């Protein structure tokens, strides 16, 4: 039997319209934990959509988290004066963000909920603010990004999440390094080459994923075309059979009409011959009686 925590997590995976009834039913069977479960807040549509990407589209969610961590790390390196390709990290993050938002829109549409512009804006902003204060997969409302220095602090804090330590407080304008601390041209070239290789690895991985998706899409298209061709052939065969059946029906109808005419003619002749026979019989009787 699933643990109580698993059952609570399950509340955030069901259709949004079923949340309240399922929560109340679980609270009745949860014993001492019932009152706390009863207080669980129904997620807003945007938060529910973000939760579903985590529960039902985990690879997309994980790719977004990884891209966000790399972007924060790139910004943190730049703030310390180190060479890094922030533009490449930002492009990878924006691509992962777009994929996650589209997945959330599809999940909303599939559940019958409206993916309004307001809802989708809240979804995008929530994805942009990862990590969140609430447990993953159990958001109850969208998270809005803060601006100014708060956004920078969040960036540095996010970069430290992976290492498990608190982010260091960095001055907004770090002092210029002494000449002896500046990297040599060879060191700078080596560092730039390492950054290019990392960027190439990221793009190559994304390209492979795109190629895999393209192959899957082409395979699905091929199967769909084959099924369509089979259906067309079945339709043509059914139409031919229908035409043959219609011709057969018409032939039977013609034969039936001809037989009806023959029956009518035979009936008429039978009636005439009967009348003539009766007339002749009466005449014979008359002659015999004379």
C-alpha atoms as a PDB file:
ATOM      1  CA  UNK A   1       0.000   0.000   0.000  1.00  0.00           C
ATOM      2  CA  UNK A   2       1.317   3.459  -0.877  1.00  0.00           C
ATOM      3  CA  UNK A   3       2.616   5.588   1.998  1.00  0.00           C
ATOM      4  CA  UNK A   4       0.655   8.615   3.146  1.00  0.00           C
ATOM      5  CA  UNK A   5       3.250  10.917   1.590  1.00  0.00           C
ATOM      6  CA  UNK A   6       2.869   9.122  -1.748  1.00  0.00           C
ATOM      7  CA  UNK A   7      -0.894   9.471  -1.510  1.00  0.00           C
ATOM      8  CA  UNK A   8      -0.537  13.192  -0.805  1.00  0.00           C
ATOM      9  CA  UNK A   9       1.816  13.513  -3.783  1.00  0.00           C
ATOM     10  CA  UNK A  10      -0.813  11.751  -5.871  1.00  0.00           C
ATOM     11  CA  UNK A  11      -3.257  14.589  -5.153  1.00  0.00           C
ATOM     12  CA  UNK A  12      -1.057  16.909  -7.201  1.00  0.00           C
ATOM     13  CA  UNK A  13      -1.015  14.527 -10.170  1.00  0.00           C
ATOM     14  CA  UNK A  14      -4.763  14.099 -10.749  1.00  0.00           C
ATOM     15  CA  UNK A  15      -6.948  16.443 -12.850  1.00  0.00           C
ATOM     16  CA  UNK A  16      -7.401  19.790 -11.165  1.00  0.00           C
ATOM     17  CA  UNK A  17     -11.188  19.412 -10.952  1.00  0.00           C
ATOM     18  CA  UNK A  18     -10.783  16.248  -8.843  1.00  0.00           C
ATOM     19  CA  UNK A  19      -8.375  17.702  -6.267  1.00  0.00           C
ATOM     20  CA  UNK A  20     -10.813  18.858  -3.582  1.00  0.00           C
ATOM     21  CA  UNK A  21     -12.886  15.654  -3.497  1.00  0.00           C
ATOM     22  CA  UNK A  22      -9.772  13.454  -3.492  1.00  0.00           C
ATOM     23  CA  UNK A  23      -8.137  15.554  -0.759  1.00  0.00           C
ATOM     24  CA  UNK A  24     -11.203  15.361   1.493  1.00  0.00           C
ATOM     25  CA  UNK A  25     -11.498  11.602   0.938  1.00  0.00           C
ATOM     26  CA  UNK A  26      -7.835  11.111   1.863  1.00  0.00           C
ATOM     27  CA  UNK A  27      -8.212  13.300   4.957  1.00  0.00           C
ATOM     28  CA  UNK A  28     -10.990  11.031   6.250  1.00  0.00           C
ATOM     29  CA  UNK A  29      -8.707   7.984   6.167  1.00  0.00           C
ATOM     30  CA  UNK A  30      -5.476   9.651   7.295  1.00  0.00           C
ATOM     31  CA  UNK A  31      -6.081   9.463  11.034  1.00  0.00           C
ATOM     32  CA  UNK A  32      -4.128  12.075  12.985  1.00  0.00           C
ATOM     33  CA  UNK A  33      -2.835  13.600   9.752  1.00  0.00           C
ATOM     34  CA  UNK A  34      -6.374  14.199   8.497  1.00  0.00           C
ATOM     35  CA  UNK A  35      -6.726  17.830   9.674  1.00  0.00           C
ATOM     36  CA  UNK A  36      -3.412  18.803   8.037  1.00  0.00           C
ATOM     37  CA  UNK A  37      -4.384  17.137   4.770  1.00  0.00           C
ATOM     38  CA  UNK A  38      -7.776  18.844   4.870  1.00  0.00           C
ATOM     39  CA  UNK A  39      -5.949  22.197   4.827  1.00  0.00           C
ATOM     40  CA  UNK A  40      -4.018  21.432   1.635  1.00  0.00           C
ATOM     41  CA  UNK A  41      -4.700  24.193  -0.889  1.00  0.00           C
ATOM     42  CA  UNK A  42      -5.983  23.386  -4.355  1.00  0.00           C
ATOM     43  CA  UNK A  43      -3.334  24.447  -6.919  1.00  0.00           C
ATOM     44  CA  UNK A  44      -4.016  27.275  -9.295  1.00  0.00           C
ATOM     45  CA  UNK A  45      -4.078  26.324 -12.984  1.00  0.00           C
ATOM     46  CA  UNK A  46      -0.564  27.605 -13.729  1.00  0.00           C
ATOM     47  CA  UNK A  47       0.923  25.831 -10.706  1.00  0.00           C
ATOM     48  CA  UNK A  48      -0.926  22.619 -11.600  1.00  0.00           C
ATOM     49  CA  UNK A  49       0.484  22.738 -15.138  1.00  0.00           C
ATOM     50  CA  UNK A  50       4.045  23.176 -13.816  1.00  0.00           C
ATOM     51  CA  UNK A  51       3.485  20.254 -11.436  1.00  0.00           C
ATOM     52  CA  UNK A  52       2.344  18.044 -14.294  1.00  0.00           C
ATOM     53  CA  UNK A  53       5.496  18.732 -16.295  1.00  0.00           C
ATOM     54  CA  UNK A  54       7.441  17.442 -13.283  1.00  0.00           C
ATOM     55  CA  UNK A  55       5.217  14.377 -12.806  1.00  0.00           C
ATOM     56  CA  UNK A  56       4.443  13.476 -16.425  1.00  0.00           C
ATOM     57  CA  UNK A  57       7.231  15.015 -18.527  1.00  0.00           C
ATOM     58  CA  UNK A  58      10.210  14.468 -16.206  1.00  0.00           C
ATOM     59  CA  UNK A  59      12.920  14.494 -18.927  1.00  0.00           C
ATOM     60  CA  UNK A  60      11.722  17.929 -20.057  1.00  0.00           C
ATOM     61  CA  UNK A  61      11.676  19.195 -16.462  1.00  0.00           C
ATOM     62  CA  UNK A  62      15.142  17.782 -15.718  1.00  0.00           C
ATOM     63  CA  UNK A  63      16.553  19.354 -18.895  1.00  0.00           C
ATOM     64  CA  UNK A  64      15.167  22.741 -17.819  1.00  0.00           C
ATOM     65  CA  UNK A  65      16.692  22.395 -14.337  1.00  0.00           C
ATOM     66  CA  UNK A  66      20.074  21.446 -15.797  1.00  0.00           C
ATOM     67  CA  UNK A  67      19.988  24.343 -18.263  1.00  0.00           C
ATOM     68  CA  UNK A  68      19.053  26.746 -15.439  1.00  0.00           C
ATOM     69  CA  UNK A  69      21.920  25.527 -13.248  1.00  0.00           C
ATOM     70  CA  UNK A  70      24.384  25.982 -16.125  1.00  0.00           C
ATOM     71  CA  UNK A  71      23.082  29.476 -16.825  1.00  0.00           C
ATOM     72  CA  UNK A  72      23.416  30.483 -13.164  1.00  0.00           C
ATOM     73  CA  UNK A  73      26.899  28.991 -13.020  1.00  0.00           C
ATOM     74  CA  UNK A  74      27.890  30.922 -16.153  1.00  0.00           C
ATOM     75  CA  UNK A  75      26.632  34.199 -14.659  1.00  0.00           C
ATOM     76  CA  UNK A  76      28.394  33.464 -11.391  1.00  0.00           C
ATOM     77  CA  UNK A  77      31.683  32.849 -13.233  1.00  0.00           C
ATOM     78  CA  UNK A  78      31.292  36.084 -15.147  1.00  0.00           C
ATOM     79  CA  UNK A  79      30.703  37.988 -11.895  1.00  0.00           C
ATOM     80  CA  UNK A  80      34.017  36.674 -10.575  1.00  0.00           C
ATOM     81  CA  UNK A  81      35.801  37.826 -13.713  1.00  0.00           C
ATOM     82  CA  UNK A  82      36.228  34.370 -15.257  1.00  0.00           C
ATOM     83  CA  UNK A  83      35.759  33.722 -18.963  1.00  0.00           C
ATOM     84  CA  UNK A  84      32.475  31.993 -19.822  1.00  0.00           C
ATOM     85  CA  UNK A  85      29.999  31.833 -22.711  1.00  0.00           C
ATOM     86  CA  UNK A  86      26.868  33.196 -21.045  1.00  0.00           C
ATOM     87  CA  UNK A  87      25.120  33.612 -24.405  1.00  0.00           C
ATOM     88  CA  UNK A  88      25.364  29.900 -25.176  1.00  0.00           C
ATOM     89  CA  UNK A  89      24.090  28.956 -21.713  1.00  0.00           C
ATOM     90  CA  UNK A  90      21.270  31.477 -22.053  1.00  0.00           C
ATOM     91  CA  UNK A  91      20.259  30.089 -25.467  1.00  0.00           C
ATOM     92  CA  UNK A  92      20.184  26.538 -24.109  1.00  0.00           C
ATOM     93  CA  UNK A  93      18.098  27.678 -21.124  1.00  0.00           C
ATOM     94  CA  UNK A  94      15.622  29.571 -23.314  1.00  0.00           C
ATOM     95  CA  UNK A  95      15.213  26.512 -25.557  1.00  0.00           C
ATOM     96  CA  UNK A  96      14.573  24.257 -22.544  1.00  0.00           C
ATOM     97  CA  UNK A  97      12.175  26.861 -21.117  1.00  0.00           C
ATOM     98  CA  UNK A  98      10.169  26.999 -24.345  1.00  0.00           C
ATOM     99  CA  UNK A  99       9.913  23.202 -24.424  1.00  0.00           C
ATOM    100  CA  UNK A 100       8.705  23.103 -20.808  1.00  0.00           C
ATOM    101  CA  UNK A 101       6.102  25.837 -21.412  1.00  0.00           C
ATOM    102  CA  UNK A 102       4.790  24.033 -24.499  1.00  0.00           C
ATOM    103  CA  UNK A 103       4.548  20.791 -22.514  1.00  0.00           C
ATOM    104  CA  UNK A 104       2.570  22.597 -19.799  1.00  0.00           C
ATOM    105  CA  UNK A 105       0.227  24.036 -22.446  1.00  0.00           C
ATOM    106  CA  UNK A 106      -0.369  20.560 -23.912  1.00  0.00           C
ATOM    107  CA  UNK A 107      -1.084  19.107 -20.472  1.00  0.00           C
ATOM    108  CA  UNK A 108      -3.571  21.880 -19.720  1.00  0.00           C
ATOM    109  CA  UNK A 109      -5.318  21.333 -23.031  1.00  0.00           C
ATOM    110  CA  UNK A 110      -5.391  17.583 -22.484  1.00  0.00           C
ATOM    111  CA  UNK A 111      -7.098  18.038 -19.113  1.00  0.00           C
ATOM    112  CA  UNK A 112      -9.735  20.358 -20.565  1.00  0.00           C
ATOM    113  CA  UNK A 113      -8.423  23.454 -18.731  1.00  0.00           C
ATOM    114  CA  UNK A 114      -7.968  26.727 -20.587  1.00  0.00           C
ATOM    115  CA  UNK A 115      -4.360  27.632 -21.418  1.00  0.00           C
ATOM    116  CA  UNK A 116      -5.013  31.390 -21.365  1.00  0.00           C
ATOM    117  CA  UNK A 117      -2.296  33.973 -22.001  1.00  0.00           C
ATOM    118  CA  UNK A 118      -2.354  34.916 -18.314  1.00  0.00           C
ATOM    119  CA  UNK A 119      -1.958  31.300 -17.221  1.00  0.00           C
ATOM    120  CA  UNK A 120       0.865  30.604 -19.671  1.00  0.00           C
ATOM    121  CA  UNK A 121       2.701  33.779 -18.631  1.00  0.00           C
ATOM    122  CA  UNK A 122       2.514  32.599 -15.020  1.00  0.00           C
ATOM    123  CA  UNK A 123       3.773  29.164 -16.089  1.00  0.00           C
ATOM    124  CA  UNK A 124       6.783  30.678 -17.860  1.00  0.00           C
ATOM    125  CA  UNK A 125       7.607  32.969 -14.926  1.00  0.00           C
ATOM    126  CA  UNK A 126       7.403  30.031 -12.535  1.00  0.00           C
ATOM    127  CA  UNK A 127       9.798  27.948 -14.615  1.00  0.00           C
ATOM    128  CA  UNK A 128      12.162  30.926 -14.803  1.00  0.00           C
ATOM    129  CA  UNK A 129      12.322  31.238 -10.993  1.00  0.00           C
ATOM    130  CA  UNK A 130      13.508  27.670 -10.262  1.00  0.00           C
ATOM    131  CA  UNK A 131      14.380  26.624  -7.523  1.00  0.00           C
ATOM    132  CA  UNK A 132      11.136  27.214  -5.599  1.00  0.00           C
ATOM    133  CA  UNK A 133      10.398  27.379  -1.881  1.00  0.00           C
ATOM    134  CA  UNK A 134       7.611  24.783  -2.160  1.00  0.00           C
ATOM    135  CA  UNK A 135       8.290  21.049  -2.675  1.00  0.00           C
ATOM    136  CA  UNK A 136       8.825  20.042  -6.300  1.00  0.00           C
ATOM    137  CA  UNK A 137       5.623  18.832  -7.928  1.00  0.00           C
ATOM    138  CA  UNK A 138       3.400  20.325  -5.192  1.00  0.00           C
ATOM    139  CA  UNK A 139       3.165  23.983  -6.133  1.00  0.00           C
ATOM    140  CA  UNK A 140      -0.142  25.582  -5.232  1.00  0.00           C
ATOM    141  CA  UNK A 141       0.373  28.948  -6.917  1.00  0.00           C
ATOM    142  CA  UNK A 142       2.723  30.322  -9.569  1.00  0.00           C
ATOM    143  CA  UNK A 143       6.010  31.878  -8.478  1.00  0.00           C
ATOM    144  CA  UNK A 144       6.842  35.326  -9.749  1.00  0.00           C
ATOM    145  CA  UNK A 145      10.451  36.401 -10.320  1.00  0.00           C
ATOM    146  CA  UNK A 146      11.827  39.274  -8.282  1.00  0.00           C
ATOM    147  CA  UNK A 147      13.706  42.100  -9.921  1.00  0.00           C
ATOM    148  CA  UNK A 148      16.829  44.141  -9.366  1.00  0.00           C
ATOM    149  CA  UNK A 149      19.342  42.985  -6.794  1.00  0.00           C
ATOM    150  CA  UNK A 150      16.889  40.359  -5.558  1.00  0.00           C
ATOM    151  CA  UNK A 151      17.047  38.623  -8.935  1.00  0.00           C
ATOM    152  CA  UNK A 152      20.849  38.623  -8.809  1.00  0.00           C
ATOM    153  CA  UNK A 153      20.818  37.196  -5.298  1.00  0.00           C
ATOM    154  CA  UNK A 154      18.460  34.457  -6.465  1.00  0.00           C
ATOM    155  CA  UNK A 155      20.768  33.713  -9.359  1.00  0.00           C
ATOM    156  CA  UNK A 156      23.765  33.224  -7.072  1.00  0.00           C
ATOM    157  CA  UNK A 157      21.716  31.247  -4.571  1.00  0.00           C
ATOM    158  CA  UNK A 158      20.493  28.966  -7.359  1.00  0.00           C
ATOM    159  CA  UNK A 159      24.060  28.370  -8.501  1.00  0.00           C
ATOM    160  CA  UNK A 160      24.947  27.203  -5.006  1.00  0.00           C
ATOM    161  CA  UNK A 161      22.006  24.803  -4.697  1.00  0.00           C
ATOM    162  CA  UNK A 162      23.775  22.010  -6.510  1.00  0.00           C
ATOM    163  CA  UNK A 163      26.853  22.190  -4.280  1.00  0.00           C
ATOM    164  CA  UNK A 164      24.706  22.179  -1.157  1.00  0.00           C
ATOM    165  CA  UNK A 165      26.332  25.288   0.364  1.00  0.00           C
ATOM    166  CA  UNK A 166      25.117  28.836   0.825  1.00  0.00           C
ATOM    167  CA  UNK A 167      26.046  31.297  -1.914  1.00  0.00           C
ATOM    168  CA  UNK A 168      28.794  33.750  -1.082  1.00  0.00           C
ATOM    169  CA  UNK A 169      27.836  37.421  -1.019  1.00  0.00           C
ATOM    170  CA  UNK A 170      29.665  39.087  -3.910  1.00  0.00           C
ATOM    171  CA  UNK A 171      30.110  42.824  -4.310  1.00  0.00           C
ATOM    172  CA  UNK A 172      28.374  44.354  -7.262  1.00  0.00           C
ATOM    173  CA  UNK A 173      31.702  45.674  -8.620  1.00  0.00           C
ATOM    174  CA  UNK A 174      34.567  43.332  -7.704  1.00  0.00           C
ATOM    175  CA  UNK A 175      38.005  44.941  -7.555  1.00  0.00           C
ATOM    176  CA  UNK A 176      40.130  44.647 -10.669  1.00  0.00           C
ATOM    177  CA  UNK A 177      42.675  41.835 -10.456  1.00  0.00           C
ATOM    178  CA  UNK A 178      46.348  42.685 -10.166  1.00  0.00           C
ATOM    179  CA  UNK A 179      48.520  42.227 -13.230  1.00  0.00           C
ATOM    180  CA  UNK A 180      50.137  39.167 -11.683  1.00  0.00           C
ATOM    181  CA  UNK A 181      46.698  37.558 -11.345  1.00  0.00           C
ATOM    182  CA  UNK A 182      45.671  38.101 -14.956  1.00  0.00           C
ATOM    183  CA  UNK A 183      45.725  34.905 -17.076  1.00  0.00           C
ATOM    184  CA  UNK A 184      48.411  34.609 -19.702  1.00  0.00           C
ATOM    185  CA  UNK A 185      47.368  34.572 -23.374  1.00  0.00           C
ATOM    186  CA  UNK A 186      47.972  30.807 -23.444  1.00  0.00           C
ATOM    187  CA  UNK A 187      45.860  30.282 -20.317  1.00  0.00           C
ATOM    188  CA  UNK A 188      43.104  32.473 -21.713  1.00  0.00           C
ATOM    189  CA  UNK A 189      43.171  30.604 -25.035  1.00  0.00           C
ATOM    190  CA  UNK A 190      43.041  27.291 -23.181  1.00  0.00           C
ATOM    191  CA  UNK A 191      40.113  28.481 -21.056  1.00  0.00           C
ATOM    192  CA  UNK A 192      38.281  29.762 -24.125  1.00  0.00           C
ATOM    193  CA  UNK A 193      38.854  26.450 -25.884  1.00  0.00           C
ATOM    194  CA  UNK A 194      37.463  24.578 -22.873  1.00  0.00           C
ATOM    195  CA  UNK A 195      34.369  26.805 -22.902  1.00  0.00           C
ATOM    196  CA  UNK A 196      33.907  26.217 -26.630  1.00  0.00           C
ATOM    197  CA  UNK A 197      34.127  22.479 -26.109  1.00  0.00           C
ATOM    198  CA  UNK A 198      31.553  22.615 -23.346  1.00  0.00           C
ATOM    199  CA  UNK A 199      29.241  24.697 -25.527  1.00  0.00           C
ATOM    200  CA  UNK A 200      29.790  22.296 -28.434  1.00  0.00           C
ATOM    201  CA  UNK A 201      28.955  19.342 -26.181  1.00  0.00           C
ATOM    202  CA  UNK A 202      25.716  21.036 -25.081  1.00  0.00           C
ATOM    203  CA  UNK A 203      24.659  21.877 -28.630  1.00  0.00           C
ATOM    204  CA  UNK A 204      25.664  18.423 -29.889  1.00  0.00           C
ATOM    205  CA  UNK A 205      23.560  16.787 -27.194  1.00  0.00           C
ATOM    206  CA  UNK A 206      20.611  19.014 -28.090  1.00  0.00           C
ATOM    207  CA  UNK A 207      21.120  18.179 -31.768  1.00  0.00           C
ATOM    208  CA  UNK A 208      21.084  14.462 -31.048  1.00  0.00           C
ATOM    209  CA  UNK A 209      17.918  14.841 -29.010  1.00  0.00           C
ATOM    210  CA  UNK A 210      16.342  16.827 -31.855  1.00  0.00           C
ATOM    211  CA  UNK A 211      17.407  14.156 -34.347  1.00  0.00           C
ATOM    212  CA  UNK A 212      15.891  11.454 -32.158  1.00  0.00           C
ATOM    213  CA  UNK A 213      12.631  13.396 -31.944  1.00  0.00           C
ATOM    214  CA  UNK A 214      12.739  13.933 -35.720  1.00  0.00           C
ATOM    215  CA  UNK A 215      13.216  10.200 -36.347  1.00  0.00           C
ATOM    216  CA  UNK A 216      10.333   9.395 -34.016  1.00  0.00           C
ATOM    217  CA  UNK A 217       8.147  11.966 -35.771  1.00  0.00           C
ATOM    218  CA  UNK A 218       9.076  10.597 -39.209  1.00  0.00           C
ATOM    219  CA  UNK A 219       8.378   7.056 -38.039  1.00  0.00           C
ATOM    220  CA  UNK A 220       4.984   8.131 -36.716  1.00  0.00           C
ATOM    221  CA  UNK A 221       4.306   9.929 -40.010  1.00  0.00           C
ATOM    222  CA  UNK A 222       5.218   6.800 -41.986  1.00  0.00           C
ATOM    223  CA  UNK A 223       2.918   4.650 -39.883  1.00  0.00           C
ATOM    224  CA  UNK A 224       0.124   7.189 -40.215  1.00  0.00           C
ATOM    225  CA  UNK A 225       0.542   7.280 -43.995  1.00  0.00           C
ATOM    226  CA  UNK A 226       0.484   3.483 -44.192  1.00  0.00           C
ATOM    227  CA  UNK A 227      -2.676   3.373 -42.108  1.00  0.00           C
ATOM    228  CA  UNK A 228      -4.219   6.086 -44.313  1.00  0.00           C
ATOM    229  CA  UNK A 229      -3.321   4.152 -47.478  1.00  0.00           C
ATOM    230  CA  UNK A 230      -4.861   0.982 -46.032  1.00  0.00           C
ATOM    231  CA  UNK A 231      -8.019   2.874 -45.172  1.00  0.00           C
ATOM    232  CA  UNK A 232      -8.204   4.305 -48.695  1.00  0.00           C
ATOM    233  CA  UNK A 233      -7.837   0.831 -50.191  1.00  0.00           C
ATOM    234  CA  UNK A 234     -10.501  -0.521 -47.837  1.00  0.00           C
ATOM    235  CA  UNK A 235     -12.794   2.328 -48.833  1.00  0.00           C
ATOM    236  CA  UNK A 236     -12.264   1.683 -52.548  1.00  0.00           C
ATOM    237  CA  UNK A 237     -12.915  -2.034 -52.075  1.00  0.00           C
ATOM    238  CA  UNK A 238     -16.058  -1.324 -50.078  1.00  0.00           C
ATOM    239  CA  UNK A 239     -17.260   1.091 -52.760  1.00  0.00           C
ATOM    240  CA  UNK A 240     -16.691  -1.524 -55.473  1.00  0.00           C
ATOM    241  CA  UNK A 241     -18.552  -4.123 -53.440  1.00  0.00           C
ATOM    242  CA  UNK A 242     -21.368  -1.643 -52.880  1.00  0.00           C
ATOM    243  CA  UNK A 243     -21.593  -0.930 -56.607  1.00  0.00           C
ATOM    244  CA  UNK A 244     -21.666  -4.664 -57.391  1.00  0.00           C
ATOM    245  CA  UNK A 245     -24.351  -5.184 -54.778  1.00  0.00           C
ATOM    246  CA  UNK A 246     -26.380  -2.303 -56.222  1.00  0.00           C
ATOM    247  CA  UNK A 247     -26.096  -3.839 -59.713  1.00  0.00           C
ATOM    248  CA  UNK A 248     -27.182  -7.213 -58.343  1.00  0.00           C
ATOM    249  CA  UNK A 249     -30.157  -5.609 -56.625  1.00  0.00           C
ATOM    250  CA  UNK A 250     -31.095  -3.839 -59.847  1.00  0.00           C
ATOM    251  CA  UNK A 251     -30.875  -7.096 -61.792  1.00  0.00           C
ATOM    252  CA  UNK A 252     -33.081  -8.908 -59.283  1.00  0.00           C
ATOM    253  CA  UNK A 253     -35.516  -5.997 -59.385  1.00  0.00           C
ATOM    254  CA  UNK A 254     -35.679  -6.258 -63.205  1.00  0.00           C
ATOM    255  CA  UNK A 255     -36.202 -10.011 -63.058  1.00  0.00           C
ATOM    256  CA  UNK A 256     -38.914  -9.557 -60.472  1.00  0.00           C
ATOM    257  CA  UNK A 257     -40.660  -7.009 -62.662  1.00  0.00           C
ATOM    258  CA  UNK A 258     -40.479  -9.333 -65.667  1.00  0.00           C
ATOM    259  CA  UNK A 259     -41.899 -12.174 -63.611  1.00  0.00           C
ATOM    260  CA  UNK A 260     -44.666  -9.903 -62.367  1.00  0.00           C
ATOM    261  CA  UNK A 261     -45.581  -9.050 -65.968  1.00  0.00           C
ATOM    262  CA  UNK A 262     -45.513 -12.750 -66.896  1.00  0.00           C
ATOM    263  CA  UNK A 263     -47.760 -13.597 -63.965  1.00  0.00           C
ATOM    264  CA  UNK A 264     -50.200 -10.850 -64.961  1.00  0.00           C
ATOM    265  CA  UNK A 265     -50.223 -12.073 -68.565  1.00  0.00           C
ATOM    266  CA  UNK A 266     -50.746 -15.674 -67.475  1.00  0.00           C
ATOM    267  CA  UNK A 267     -53.526 -14.619 -65.166  1.00  0.00           C
ATOM    268  CA  UNK A 268     -55.247 -12.732 -67.965  1.00  0.00           C
ATOM    269  CA  UNK A 269     -54.956 -15.660 -70.361  1.00  0.00           C
ATOM    270  CA  UNK A 270     -56.206 -18.019 -67.703  1.00  0.00           C
ATOM    271  CA  UNK A 271     -59.250 -15.863 -67.107  1.00  0.00           C
ATOM    272  CA  UNK A 272     -59.990 -15.610 -70.853  1.00  0.00           C
ATOM    273  CA  UNK A 273     -59.622 -19.325 -71.411  1.00  0.00           C
ATOM    274  CA  UNK A 274     -61.825 -20.006 -68.427  1.00  0.00           C
ATOM    275  CA  UNK A 275     -64.548 -17.720 -69.794  1.00  0.00           C
ATOM    276  CA  UNK A 276     -64.281 -19.335 -73.249  1.00  0.00           C
ATOM    277  CA  UNK A 277     -64.430 -22.811 -71.751  1.00  0.00           C
ATOM    278  CA  UNK A 278     -67.518 -21.938 -69.751  1.00  0.00           C
ATOM    279  CA  UNK A 279     -69.186 -20.430 -72.835  1.00  0.00           C
ATOM    280  CA  UNK A 280     -68.464 -23.499 -74.917  1.00  0.00           C
ATOM    281  CA  UNK A 281     -69.673 -25.805 -72.169  1.00  0.00           C
ATOM    282  CA  UNK A 282     -72.960 -23.916 -71.994  1.00  0.00           C
ATOM    283  CA  UNK A 283     -73.280 -24.160 -75.775  1.00  0.00           C
ATOM    284  CA  UNK A 284     -72.724 -27.898 -75.682  1.00  0.00           C
ATOM    285  CA  UNK A 285     -75.407 -28.236 -73.049  1.00  0.00           C
ATOM    286  CA  UNK A 286     -77.814 -26.220 -75.131  1.00  0.00           C
ATOM    287  CA  UNK A 287     -77.216 -28.327 -78.244  1.00  0.00           C
ATOM    288  CA  UNK A 288     -77.610 -31.544 -76.343  1.00  0.00           C
ATOM    289  CA  UNK A 289     -80.917 -30.460 -74.873  1.00  0.00           C
ATOM    290  CA  UNK A 290     -82.450 -29.607 -78.337  1.00  0.00           C
END
